[in-house]
C-alpha atoms as a PDB file:
ATOM      1  CA  MET A   1     -52.747 -34.008  -0.180  1.00  0.00           C
ATOM      2  CA  ALA A   2     -51.669 -32.741   3.016  1.00  0.00           C
ATOM      3  CA  LEU A   3     -50.095 -36.173   4.145  1.00  0.00           C
ATOM      4  CA  THR A   4     -48.095 -36.376   0.811  1.00  0.00           C
ATOM      5  CA  LEU A   5     -46.785 -32.876   1.259  1.00  0.00           C
ATOM      6  CA  SER A   6     -45.588 -33.516   4.613  1.00  0.00           C
ATOM      7  CA  LYS A   7     -44.028 -37.116   3.614  1.00  0.00           C
ATOM      8  CA  LEU A   8     -42.209 -35.131   0.736  1.00  0.00           C
ATOM      9  CA  ALA A   9     -40.891 -32.509   3.443  1.00  0.00           C
ATOM     10  CA  VAL A  10     -39.725 -35.142   5.640  1.00  0.00           C
ATOM     11  CA  GLN A  11     -38.103 -37.052   2.326  1.00  0.00           C
ATOM     12  CA  ILE A  12     -36.369 -34.054   1.317  1.00  0.00           C
ATOM     13  CA  LEU A  13     -35.054 -33.085   4.808  1.00  0.00           C
ATOM     14  CA  THR A  14     -33.970 -36.969   5.163  1.00  0.00           C
ATOM     15  CA  GLU A  15     -32.110 -37.508   1.933  1.00  0.00           C
ATOM     16  CA  ASN A  16     -30.981 -34.027   0.996  1.00  0.00           C
ATOM     17  CA  ILE A  17     -30.669 -31.522   4.092  1.00  0.00           C
ATOM     18  CA  ILE A  18     -29.391 -33.886   6.935  1.00  0.00           C
ATOM     19  CA  PRO A  19     -26.430 -35.633   4.817  1.00  0.00           C
ATOM     20  CA  VAL A  20     -25.239 -31.875   3.781  1.00  0.00           C
ATOM     21  CA  VAL A  21     -25.382 -30.578   7.414  1.00  0.00           C
ATOM     22  CA  LEU A  22     -23.307 -33.652   8.781  1.00  0.00           C
ATOM     23  CA  GLY A  23     -20.669 -33.562   5.806  1.00  0.00           C
ATOM     24  CA  PRO A  24     -17.305 -32.842   6.891  1.00  0.00           C
ATOM     25  CA  ILE A  25     -16.784 -30.155   4.528  1.00  0.00           C
ATOM     26  CA  LEU A  26     -19.084 -28.038   6.213  1.00  0.00           C
ATOM     27  CA  TRP A  27     -17.538 -28.720   9.626  1.00  0.00           C
ATOM     28  CA  MET A  28     -14.166 -27.710   8.283  1.00  0.00           C
ATOM     29  CA  ILE A  29     -15.604 -24.579   6.660  1.00  0.00           C
ATOM     30  CA  MET A  30     -17.870 -23.301   9.337  1.00  0.00           C
ATOM     31  CA  PRO A  31     -14.834 -22.680  11.914  1.00  0.00           C
ATOM     32  CA  ALA A  32     -13.181 -20.618   9.304  1.00  0.00           C
ATOM     33  CA  LEU A  33     -16.096 -18.644   8.762  1.00  0.00           C
ATOM     34  CA  VAL A  34     -16.791 -17.891  12.268  1.00  0.00           C
ATOM     35  CA  LEU A  35     -13.446 -17.068  13.084  1.00  0.00           C
ATOM     36  CA  SER A  36     -12.947 -14.490  10.067  1.00  0.00           C
ATOM     37  CA  LEU A  37     -16.542 -13.021  11.119  1.00  0.00           C
ATOM     38  CA  ILE A  38     -14.864 -12.447  14.610  1.00  0.00           C
ATOM     39  CA  LEU A  39     -11.383 -10.933  13.013  1.00  0.00           C
ATOM     40  CA  HIS A  40     -13.408  -8.794  11.043  1.00  0.00           C
ATOM     41  CA  TYR A  41     -15.820  -6.996  13.666  1.00  0.00           C
ATOM     42  CA  THR A  42     -13.097  -7.013  16.744  1.00  0.00           C
ATOM     43  CA  TRP A  43      -9.830  -6.556  15.263  1.00  0.00           C
ATOM     44  CA  PHE A  44     -10.065  -5.613  11.750  1.00  0.00           C
ATOM     45  CA  PRO A  45     -13.303  -3.524  11.199  1.00  0.00           C
ATOM     46  CA  CYS A  46     -11.674  -1.445   8.065  1.00  0.00           C
ATOM     47  CA  LEU A  47      -9.661  -3.206   5.464  1.00  0.00           C
ATOM     48  CA  SER A  48      -9.851  -0.396   2.618  1.00  0.00           C
ATOM     49  CA  LEU A  49      -8.749   2.956   2.126  1.00  0.00           C
ATOM     50  CA  GLN A  50     -11.806   3.759   0.623  1.00  0.00           C
ATOM     51  CA  THR A  51     -13.776   3.024   4.016  1.00  0.00           C
ATOM     52  CA  LEU A  52     -11.070   4.817   6.188  1.00  0.00           C
ATOM     53  CA  ASP A  53     -11.516   7.789   3.744  1.00  0.00           C
ATOM     54  CA  ALA A  54     -15.406   8.083   3.746  1.00  0.00           C
ATOM     55  CA  LYS A  55     -15.122   8.012   7.729  1.00  0.00           C
ATOM     56  CA  ILE A  56     -12.663  10.884   7.536  1.00  0.00           C
ATOM     57  CA  LYS A  57     -14.978  12.775   5.418  1.00  0.00           C
ATOM     58  CA  ASP A  58     -17.658  12.145   7.980  1.00  0.00           C
ATOM     59  CA  VAL A  59     -15.256  13.343  11.002  1.00  0.00           C
ATOM     60  CA  VAL A  60     -14.361  16.366   9.007  1.00  0.00           C
ATOM     61  CA  SER A  61     -17.853  17.482   8.407  1.00  0.00           C
ATOM     62  CA  LEU A  62     -18.510  16.900  12.163  1.00  0.00           C
ATOM     63  CA  LEU A  63     -15.410  19.054  13.049  1.00  0.00           C
ATOM     64  CA  GLU A  64     -16.599  21.740  10.773  1.00  0.00           C
ATOM     65  CA  GLY A  65     -20.081  21.980  12.355  1.00  0.00           C
ATOM     66  CA  TYR A  66     -18.259  21.947  15.880  1.00  0.00           C
ATOM     67  CA  GLU A  67     -16.177  24.830  14.703  1.00  0.00           C
ATOM     68  CA  GLN A  68     -19.239  26.780  13.740  1.00  0.00           C
ATOM     69  CA  ASN A  69     -20.818  26.190  16.926  1.00  0.00           C
ATOM     70  CA  ILE A  70     -17.917  27.264  18.771  1.00  0.00           C
ATOM     71  CA  ARG A  71     -17.834  30.471  16.770  1.00  0.00           C
ATOM     72  CA  SER A  72     -21.586  31.325  17.449  1.00  0.00           C
ATOM     73  CA  GLN A  73     -21.124  31.216  21.186  1.00  0.00           C
ATOM     74  CA  CYS A  74     -17.661  33.155  21.360  1.00  0.00           C
ATOM     75  CA  LEU A  75     -19.222  36.026  22.674  1.00  0.00           C
ATOM     76  CA  SER A  76     -21.624  34.532  25.012  1.00  0.00           C
ATOM     77  CA  ASP A  77     -20.707  33.388  28.567  1.00  0.00           C
ATOM     78  CA  ALA A  78     -22.644  29.934  28.050  1.00  0.00           C
ATOM     79  CA  ILE A  79     -19.615  28.171  27.173  1.00  0.00           C
ATOM     80  CA  ASP A  80     -15.872  28.220  27.811  1.00  0.00           C
ATOM     81  CA  TYR A  81     -14.765  29.250  24.658  1.00  0.00           C
ATOM     82  CA  ASP A  82     -11.050  28.954  25.168  1.00  0.00           C
ATOM     83  CA  GLN A  83     -10.970  25.337  26.314  1.00  0.00           C
ATOM     84  CA  HIS A  84     -13.378  24.616  23.446  1.00  0.00           C
ATOM     85  CA  LYS A  85     -11.172  26.202  20.973  1.00  0.00           C
ATOM     86  CA  ARG A  86      -8.336  24.043  22.601  1.00  0.00           C
ATOM     87  CA  LEU A  87     -10.249  20.914  22.065  1.00  0.00           C
ATOM     88  CA  TYR A  88     -10.887  21.618  18.435  1.00  0.00           C
ATOM     89  CA  LYS A  89      -7.196  22.210  17.824  1.00  0.00           C
ATOM     90  CA  ASN A  90      -6.659  18.859  19.526  1.00  0.00           C
ATOM     91  CA  PHE A  91      -9.128  17.078  17.576  1.00  0.00           C
ATOM     92  CA  GLU A  92      -7.739  18.570  14.277  1.00  0.00           C
ATOM     93  CA  GLY A  93      -4.423  17.469  15.198  1.00  0.00           C
ATOM     94  CA  ARG A  94      -5.545  14.104  15.836  1.00  0.00           C
ATOM     95  CA  LEU A  95      -7.538  14.346  12.570  1.00  0.00           C
ATOM     96  CA  LEU A  96      -4.332  15.225  10.696  1.00  0.00           C
ATOM     97  CA  ARG A  97      -2.521  12.430  12.156  1.00  0.00           C
ATOM     98  CA  ILE A  98      -4.952   9.949  11.000  1.00  0.00           C
ATOM     99  CA  LYS A  99      -4.965  11.594   7.522  1.00  0.00           C
ATOM    100  CA  ARG A 100      -1.101  11.318   7.082  1.00  0.00           C
ATOM    101  CA  VAL A 101      -1.253   7.413   8.208  1.00  0.00           C
ATOM    102  CA  ALA A 102      -3.811   7.048   5.410  1.00  0.00           C
ATOM    103  CA  HIS A 103      -1.986   9.007   2.791  1.00  0.00           C
ATOM    104  CA  LYS A 104       1.228   7.252   3.744  1.00  0.00           C
ATOM    105  CA  ARG A 105      -0.342   4.049   3.000  1.00  0.00           C
ATOM    106  CA  SER A 106      -1.851   4.852  -0.140  1.00  0.00           C
ATOM    107  CA  ASP A 107       1.544   5.813  -1.074  1.00  0.00           C
ATOM    108  CA  GLN A 108       2.815   2.581  -0.041  1.00  0.00           C
ATOM    109  CA  ASP A 109      -0.109   0.574  -1.756  1.00  0.00           C
ATOM    110  CA  TYR A 110       0.287   2.355  -5.157  1.00  0.00           C
ATOM    111  CA  LYS A 111       4.202   1.250  -5.091  1.00  0.00           C
ATOM    112  CA  VAL A 112       3.122  -2.482  -4.359  1.00  0.00           C
ATOM    113  CA  ALA A 113       1.504  -5.245  -6.444  1.00  0.00           C
ATOM    114  CA  THR A 114      -2.013  -5.410  -6.123  1.00  0.00           C
ATOM    115  CA  TRP A 115      -2.328  -8.898  -4.854  1.00  0.00           C
ATOM    116  CA  LYS A 116       0.398  -8.062  -2.113  1.00  0.00           C
ATOM    117  CA  LYS A 117      -1.719  -5.348  -0.422  1.00  0.00           C
ATOM    118  CA  TYR A 118      -4.780  -7.472   0.080  1.00  0.00           C
ATOM    119  CA  ILE A 119      -2.704 -10.078   2.067  1.00  0.00           C
ATOM    120  CA  SER A 120      -0.513  -7.881   4.135  1.00  0.00           C
ATOM    121  CA  PHE A 121      -1.221  -8.518   8.109  1.00  0.00           C
ATOM    122  CA  SER A 122       0.327  -5.083   8.454  1.00  0.00           C
ATOM    123  CA  ARG A 123      -1.628  -3.009   6.398  1.00  0.00           C
ATOM    124  CA  ALA A 124      -4.889  -4.660   7.786  1.00  0.00           C
ATOM    125  CA  ALA A 125      -3.569  -3.895  11.245  1.00  0.00           C
ATOM    126  CA  MET A 126      -2.568  -0.090  10.571  1.00  0.00           C
ATOM    127  CA  LEU A 127      -6.024   0.702   8.499  1.00  0.00           C
ATOM    128  CA  SER A 128      -8.041  -0.968  11.393  1.00  0.00           C
ATOM    129  CA  SER A 129      -6.103   0.857  14.101  1.00  0.00           C
ATOM    130  CA  SER A 130      -6.608   4.180  12.252  1.00  0.00           C
ATOM    131  CA  TYR A 131     -10.280   3.415  11.863  1.00  0.00           C
ATOM    132  CA  LYS A 132     -10.621   2.789  15.438  1.00  0.00           C
ATOM    133  CA  LYS A 133      -8.949   6.071  16.307  1.00  0.00           C
ATOM    134  CA  LEU A 134     -11.146   7.892  13.764  1.00  0.00           C
ATOM    135  CA  LEU A 135     -14.281   6.243  15.526  1.00  0.00           C
ATOM    136  CA  LYS A 136     -13.016   7.539  19.093  1.00  0.00           C
ATOM    137  CA  LEU A 137     -12.277  10.826  17.497  1.00  0.00           C
ATOM    138  CA  LYS A 138     -15.966  10.786  16.088  1.00  0.00           C
ATOM    139  CA  THR A 139     -17.456  10.122  19.159  1.00  0.00           C
ATOM    140  CA  ASP A 140     -15.379  12.979  20.943  1.00  0.00           C
ATOM    141  CA  VAL A 141     -16.348  15.424  18.482  1.00  0.00           C
ATOM    142  CA  GLU A 142     -20.053  14.677  18.898  1.00  0.00           C
ATOM    143  CA  HIS A 143     -19.625  14.679  22.617  1.00  0.00           C
ATOM    144  CA  TYR A 144     -18.616  18.081  22.651  1.00  0.00           C
ATOM    145  CA  ASN A 145     -20.743  19.494  20.146  1.00  0.00           C
ATOM    146  CA  VAL A 146     -23.599  18.500  22.115  1.00  0.00           C
ATOM    147  CA  LEU A 147     -22.105  20.139  25.294  1.00  0.00           C
ATOM    148  CA  VAL A 148     -21.978  23.282  23.081  1.00  0.00           C
ATOM    149  CA  LEU A 149     -25.345  23.203  21.980  1.00  0.00           C
ATOM    150  CA  LYS A 150     -26.260  22.316  25.438  1.00  0.00           C
ATOM    151  CA  GLY A 151     -24.577  25.533  26.867  1.00  0.00           C
ATOM    152  CA  GLN A 152     -26.304  27.442  23.818  1.00  0.00           C
ATOM    153  CA  ASN A 153     -29.861  25.984  24.829  1.00  0.00           C
ATOM    154  CA  ASN A 154     -29.166  26.355  28.684  1.00  0.00           C
ATOM    155  CA  HIS A 155     -28.196  30.021  27.881  1.00  0.00           C
ATOM    156  CA  LEU A 156     -31.435  30.740  25.613  1.00  0.00           C
ATOM    157  CA  LEU A 157     -33.495  29.302  28.300  1.00  0.00           C
ATOM    158  CA  LYS A 158     -32.064  31.541  30.903  1.00  0.00           C
ATOM    159  CA  MET A 159     -32.341  34.609  28.897  1.00  0.00           C
ATOM    160  CA  THR A 160     -35.979  33.330  28.150  1.00  0.00           C
ATOM    161  CA  HIS A 161     -36.852  32.749  31.776  1.00  0.00           C
ATOM    162  CA  LEU A 162     -35.268  36.364  32.694  1.00  0.00           C
ATOM    163  CA  TYR A 163     -37.223  38.026  30.135  1.00  0.00           C
ATOM    164  CA  HIS A 164     -40.616  36.199  31.083  1.00  0.00           C
ATOM    165  CA  ARG A 165     -39.812  37.200  34.688  1.00  0.00           C
ATOM    166  CA  ASN A 166     -38.877  40.948  33.715  1.00  0.00           C
ATOM    167  CA  VAL A 167     -42.155  41.061  31.629  1.00  0.00           C
ATOM    168  CA  SER A 168     -44.343  39.623  34.424  1.00  0.00           C
ATOM    169  CA  SER A 169     -43.163  41.994  37.131  1.00  0.00           C
ATOM    170  CA  SER A 170     -43.736  44.780  34.875  1.00  0.00           C
ATOM    171  CA  PRO A 171     -45.588  47.720  36.430  1.00  0.00           C
ATOM    172  CA  GLU A 172     -48.490  47.533  33.822  1.00  0.00           C
ATOM    173  CA  GLU A 173     -49.672  44.335  35.104  1.00  0.00           C
ATOM    174  CA  ASN A 174     -50.064  45.808  38.491  1.00  0.00           C
ATOM    175  CA  ILE A 175     -52.527  48.102  37.463  1.00  0.00           C
END
């Protein structure tokens, strides 16, 4: 039984699979698929306004969290409040520029026939460029948000350390 199964597997391999793999159609299609994957992941990571809009919403929520963290630390000396406020305004301006480009593209897409907007190289380049800028903005916001939180944690650790040092040197302990 095992011998017949192996013969059957060899027969299927030699008669069906190898001719398909060696066929010229497959060899013509394969480079096009590889090239399209390379283009998609390197030069054109975003080809739809919906993807760009979803990423914009993610960055907006990150930016709101960053602003809340800045405001919670405005009275402490743990962070440089003015620097982070300027950075927040810079991030907000960058996000507004990206939103403006997305809205402009959306208006242009509304005026153009449906099939034309999907074969436009300039549209793909513009959306991908905005998407890459948005990813850069997202990493910047995450980085500075971590710095604010780290400053907050360092401040809390310092206060806790001072408290424990003051408690351990209290006169009640020496009795």
